Amino acid sequence: MSENPRRRVPLFYTPVHSYLFFVLSSVLVVVLLLLFADIVGLAFKTLFPGLGTIGILLLLTTCFLGSFVNIPLLRLRSESPAVKVRYLRAFGMMYPVPVVELAENATLIAVNLGGAVISTLASVYLLLRAPSNIPYAAVATLAVALIVKLVSKPAPGVGIISPSLVSPLAAALAVLVGSPQYHLTAYVAGTMGTLIGADLLNFYKIQRLGSSVVSIGGTGTFDGVFLSGILAVLLPL
C-alpha cells in the first residue's frame, strides 16, 4: 500500500478523448430527441416502468455526466514505474491518461460513477423487477464478459481498454439465449458484461501497467458501457 495516502488526487476528468466525447454526446442527444418523439420511448419505458420520459432522460444524462466522477477505493503498490503520457491510441481511439500525485509506484483504484455505479444499480433494479429473467441475463452476461475479455487488452498508463462497439453488439447477439424480456437481458448483459469482462477479469494485470489511476467503468471501458446501455436496447427493435 502507498505510504502517502493524503496526496491530492483529481477525481473529475473525461474518460474519453474529446472527439469520442463529442460522438457519445451526439448519441445521447439523438436518443433523447427520439425519446421525446416517442420513437424509442416504448423500449426504454418497458425497461424502466414508472420513470416516464423525464425519469429516463435523467437516468441517461446522469450516467453520462457521472462518467466524469471517479470514487477512490484503494491504492495498490505498482510493479512498474508510472507512465507519464497524456493520451494512448488503441483500437482507433484516443484514451486520456490521468496523471495523479501519489507516492512512487502506487496505483489508485477507483470506480466511475456513471460507468460502474449507476449502470450497476440500474441493472440490479431491472433484475429485481423481473427475477424470472435472472437466469437468461446471467447466461447472456457471461457470454458478453467472455467476448469482452478476449478482445480487451491492458494499456500501460491507462488500465484495461476494450473496443467501443464490441460490447453492445455482443449484448444484442446475447438475446439469442431466448429471454422473454430481451431488452432487459441486452441492457444487463451489455453493461455488466463489459465491466466484468474488461475490468474485473483483468484486475490481476493492473499492478503491472504503471498506471497512476485505474477507474473501473471509466477510462477504457466507459464508452462500451454507455453505448451498451443505449444500443443494446435499440438494436433488437
Protein backbone atom coordinates (compact mmCIF):
# COMPACT_ATOMS: atom_id res chain seq x y z
CA MET A 1 0.00 0.00 0.00
CA SER A 2 1.07 3.57 -0.56
CA GLU A 3 2.80 5.29 2.32
CA ASN A 4 1.34 8.68 1.47
CA PRO A 5 -2.44 8.38 1.06
CA ARG A 6 -3.12 12.09 1.63
CA ARG A 7 -1.75 13.37 -1.67
CA ARG A 8 -4.29 15.27 -3.79
CA VAL A 9 -5.97 13.15 -6.44
CA PRO A 10 -8.14 14.61 -9.24
CA LEU A 11 -11.48 12.80 -9.19
CA PHE A 12 -13.02 14.63 -12.15
CA TYR A 13 -11.84 14.05 -15.73
CA THR A 14 -13.34 12.90 -19.02
CA PRO A 15 -12.96 9.13 -19.57
CA VAL A 16 -12.58 9.51 -23.35
CA HIS A 17 -10.80 11.73 -25.87
CA SER A 18 -12.54 14.92 -26.96
CA TYR A 19 -13.71 13.62 -30.35
CA LEU A 20 -15.12 10.43 -28.84
CA PHE A 21 -16.74 12.54 -26.14
CA PHE A 22 -18.42 14.51 -28.95
CA VAL A 23 -19.63 11.26 -30.55
CA LEU A 24 -21.09 9.96 -27.28
CA SER A 25 -22.69 13.34 -26.60
CA SER A 26 -24.27 13.29 -30.05
CA VAL A 27 -25.59 9.77 -29.50
CA LEU A 28 -27.14 10.86 -26.21
CA VAL A 29 -28.78 13.92 -27.80
CA VAL A 30 -30.21 11.88 -30.69
CA VAL A 31 -31.60 9.23 -28.34
CA LEU A 32 -33.16 11.87 -26.11
CA LEU A 33 -34.79 13.54 -29.13
CA LEU A 34 -36.14 10.20 -30.31
CA LEU A 35 -37.31 9.52 -26.78
CA PHE A 36 -39.32 12.73 -26.66
CA ALA A 37 -40.69 11.94 -30.12
CA ASP A 38 -41.78 8.60 -28.65
CA ILE A 39 -39.93 6.71 -31.39
CA VAL A 40 -37.79 4.73 -28.96
CA GLY A 41 -39.78 5.56 -25.86
CA LEU A 42 -41.53 2.19 -25.74
CA ALA A 43 -38.28 0.24 -25.40
CA PHE A 44 -36.95 2.36 -22.54
CA LYS A 45 -40.31 2.64 -20.81
CA THR A 46 -40.60 -1.16 -20.97
CA LEU A 47 -37.22 -1.38 -19.25
CA PHE A 48 -37.90 1.27 -16.62
CA PRO A 49 -41.65 1.38 -15.95
CA GLY A 50 -42.84 4.24 -13.81
CA LEU A 51 -39.95 6.55 -14.67
CA GLY A 52 -41.63 8.24 -17.60
CA THR A 53 -39.85 10.27 -20.25
CA ILE A 54 -38.34 12.73 -17.77
CA GLY A 55 -37.10 9.96 -15.50
CA ILE A 56 -35.42 8.12 -18.36
CA LEU A 57 -33.88 11.38 -19.57
CA LEU A 58 -32.42 11.97 -16.11
CA LEU A 59 -31.10 8.39 -15.92
CA LEU A 60 -29.26 8.60 -19.25
CA THR A 61 -27.95 12.10 -18.59
CA THR A 62 -26.81 11.23 -15.06
CA CYS A 63 -24.99 8.16 -16.34
CA PHE A 64 -23.24 10.26 -18.98
CA LEU A 65 -22.30 13.16 -16.71
CA GLY A 66 -21.39 10.73 -13.93
CA SER A 67 -18.58 9.43 -16.13
CA PHE A 68 -16.55 12.48 -15.06
CA VAL A 69 -16.66 11.41 -11.39
CA ASN A 70 -14.35 8.73 -10.02
CA ILE A 71 -14.69 7.41 -6.49
CA PRO A 72 -11.38 6.23 -4.96
CA LEU A 73 -11.38 2.79 -3.37
CA LEU A 74 -7.83 1.77 -2.54
CA ARG A 75 -4.20 2.12 -3.53
CA LEU A 76 -2.05 -0.71 -4.77
CA ARG A 77 1.71 -0.84 -4.99
CA SER A 78 2.56 -0.77 -8.68
CA GLU A 79 5.11 -3.20 -10.07
CA SER A 80 6.09 -0.72 -12.82
CA PRO A 81 7.02 2.98 -12.86
CA ALA A 82 4.11 5.32 -13.61
CA VAL A 83 3.70 6.08 -17.32
CA LYS A 84 3.69 9.84 -17.95
CA VAL A 85 1.77 10.25 -21.22
CA ARG A 86 -1.36 12.26 -21.89
CA TYR A 87 -3.14 10.03 -24.42
CA LEU A 88 -2.87 6.47 -25.67
CA ARG A 89 -4.12 5.28 -29.07
CA ALA A 90 -5.74 1.83 -29.27
CA PHE A 91 -8.45 0.27 -31.42
CA GLY A 92 -8.52 3.52 -33.42
CA MET A 93 -9.46 5.54 -30.34
CA MET A 94 -7.56 8.02 -28.18
CA TYR A 95 -7.78 7.39 -24.43
CA PRO A 96 -6.82 10.07 -21.89
CA VAL A 97 -4.23 9.04 -19.31
CA PRO A 98 -4.85 10.78 -15.96
CA VAL A 99 -1.64 11.71 -14.14
CA VAL A 100 -2.06 11.98 -10.38
CA GLU A 101 0.24 12.82 -7.48
CA LEU A 102 0.77 9.66 -5.47
CA ALA A 103 3.64 8.05 -3.71
CA GLU A 104 6.14 6.49 -6.10
CA ASN A 105 4.97 3.26 -7.76
CA ALA A 106 1.40 3.49 -6.46
CA THR A 107 -1.82 2.90 -8.42
CA LEU A 108 -5.12 4.36 -7.28
CA ILE A 109 -8.11 2.08 -7.89
CA ALA A 110 -11.38 3.98 -8.36
CA VAL A 111 -14.90 3.28 -9.60
CA ASN A 112 -16.54 5.50 -12.17
CA LEU A 113 -19.88 6.92 -11.02
CA GLY A 114 -21.58 6.75 -14.42
CA GLY A 115 -19.87 3.74 -15.96
CA ALA A 116 -19.88 1.47 -12.91
CA VAL A 117 -22.07 2.66 -10.03
CA ILE A 118 -25.15 3.96 -11.87
CA SER A 119 -25.12 1.27 -14.55
CA THR A 120 -24.79 -1.47 -11.92
CA LEU A 121 -27.63 -0.05 -9.82
CA ALA A 122 -29.82 0.15 -12.93
CA SER A 123 -29.05 -3.49 -13.78
CA VAL A 124 -29.80 -4.63 -10.24
CA TYR A 125 -33.10 -2.73 -10.36
CA LEU A 126 -34.06 -4.45 -13.61
CA LEU A 127 -33.23 -7.91 -12.28
CA LEU A 128 -35.13 -7.35 -9.03
CA ARG A 129 -38.13 -6.21 -11.04
CA ALA A 130 -38.06 -9.35 -13.17
CA PRO A 131 -36.43 -12.17 -11.14
CA SER A 132 -37.63 -14.81 -13.59
CA ASN A 133 -35.29 -13.27 -16.15
CA ILE A 134 -32.17 -13.64 -13.97
CA PRO A 135 -31.05 -17.00 -15.48
CA TYR A 136 -31.25 -15.58 -19.02
CA ALA A 137 -29.44 -12.39 -18.00
CA ALA A 138 -26.75 -14.41 -16.22
CA VAL A 139 -26.02 -16.55 -19.29
CA ALA A 140 -26.02 -13.53 -21.60
CA THR A 141 -23.79 -11.53 -19.23
CA LEU A 142 -21.32 -14.41 -19.05
CA ALA A 143 -21.22 -14.61 -22.85
CA VAL A 144 -20.60 -10.87 -23.22
CA ALA A 145 -17.98 -10.92 -20.45
CA LEU A 146 -16.04 -13.72 -22.18
CA ILE A 147 -16.16 -11.92 -25.53
CA VAL A 148 -15.03 -8.62 -24.00
CA LYS A 149 -12.31 -10.42 -22.07
CA LEU A 150 -10.96 -11.86 -25.33
CA VAL A 151 -10.81 -8.51 -27.16
CA SER A 152 -9.78 -6.24 -24.29
CA LYS A 153 -6.14 -5.55 -23.57
CA PRO A 154 -4.01 -3.89 -20.90
CA ALA A 155 -2.72 -0.44 -21.83
CA PRO A 156 0.28 0.99 -19.94
CA GLY A 157 -0.67 4.19 -18.15
CA VAL A 158 -4.41 3.72 -18.73
CA GLY A 159 -5.66 0.39 -17.47
CA ILE A 160 -7.80 -2.07 -19.41
CA ILE A 161 -9.33 -0.94 -22.71
CA SER A 162 -11.94 -2.57 -24.91
CA PRO A 163 -13.27 -1.69 -28.41
CA SER A 164 -16.35 0.51 -28.06
CA LEU A 165 -18.77 -1.38 -30.29
CA VAL A 166 -17.94 -4.93 -29.22
CA SER A 167 -20.00 -4.75 -26.02
CA PRO A 168 -23.32 -3.52 -27.46
CA LEU A 169 -23.07 -5.83 -30.48
CA ALA A 170 -22.28 -8.79 -28.24
CA ALA A 171 -25.19 -7.87 -25.97
CA ALA A 172 -27.53 -7.67 -28.95
CA LEU A 173 -26.46 -11.15 -30.02
CA ALA A 174 -26.73 -12.42 -26.46
CA VAL A 175 -30.51 -12.05 -26.55
CA LEU A 176 -30.43 -15.22 -28.65
CA VAL A 177 -30.43 -17.11 -25.33
CA GLY A 178 -34.20 -16.87 -25.71
CA SER A 179 -35.04 -14.40 -22.98
CA PRO A 180 -38.72 -13.40 -22.98
CA GLN A 181 -37.58 -9.88 -21.97
CA TYR A 182 -34.79 -9.35 -24.45
CA HIS A 183 -34.47 -5.58 -23.86
CA LEU A 184 -33.77 -6.21 -20.19
CA THR A 185 -31.31 -9.00 -20.98
CA ALA A 186 -29.49 -6.88 -23.55
CA TYR A 187 -29.12 -3.97 -21.14
CA VAL A 188 -27.85 -6.04 -18.23
CA ALA A 189 -25.57 -8.20 -20.39
CA GLY A 190 -24.11 -5.20 -22.21
CA THR A 191 -23.33 -3.09 -19.16
CA MET A 192 -22.41 -5.75 -16.62
CA GLY A 193 -20.68 -7.96 -19.18
CA THR A 194 -18.40 -5.08 -20.13
CA LEU A 195 -17.48 -4.30 -16.52
CA ILE A 196 -16.83 -7.94 -15.70
CA GLY A 197 -15.02 -8.88 -18.90
CA ALA A 198 -12.84 -5.79 -19.27
CA ASP A 199 -12.14 -4.61 -15.73
CA LEU A 200 -12.80 -7.38 -13.21
CA LEU A 201 -11.42 -10.35 -15.16
CA ASN A 202 -8.28 -8.33 -15.92
CA PHE A 203 -7.88 -6.86 -12.46
CA TYR A 204 -4.83 -9.00 -11.74
CA LYS A 205 -2.94 -7.17 -14.52
CA ILE A 206 -3.38 -3.69 -13.09
CA GLN A 207 -0.30 -3.63 -10.88
CA ARG A 208 1.92 -4.29 -13.91
CA LEU A 209 0.63 -1.39 -16.01
CA GLY A 210 2.37 1.54 -14.36
CA SER A 211 -0.92 3.46 -14.19
CA SER A 212 -1.22 6.20 -11.60
CA VAL A 213 -5.01 5.71 -11.55
CA VAL A 214 -7.31 2.97 -12.89
CA SER A 215 -11.04 3.63 -12.90
CA ILE A 216 -13.41 0.65 -13.12
CA GLY A 217 -16.05 1.55 -15.67
CA GLY A 218 -14.11 4.70 -16.57
CA THR A 219 -11.26 5.29 -19.00
CA GLY A 220 -11.00 2.41 -21.46
CA THR A 221 -14.43 0.89 -20.78
CA PHE A 222 -16.99 3.69 -20.24
CA ASP A 223 -17.70 4.11 -23.95
CA GLY A 224 -18.55 0.41 -24.21
CA VAL A 225 -20.75 0.51 -21.10
CA PHE A 226 -22.58 3.67 -22.20
CA LEU A 227 -23.19 2.50 -25.76
CA SER A 228 -24.33 -0.87 -24.46
CA GLY A 229 -26.95 0.80 -22.31
CA ILE A 230 -28.36 2.54 -25.39
CA LEU A 231 -27.58 0.48 -28.50
CA ALA A 232 -28.11 -2.92 -26.92
CA VAL A 233 -31.70 -1.88 -26.23
CA LEU A 234 -32.29 -0.38 -29.67
CA LEU A 235 -30.61 -2.99 -31.88
CA PRO A 236 -33.14 -5.80 -31.22
CA LEU A 237 -36.07 -3.48 -32.05
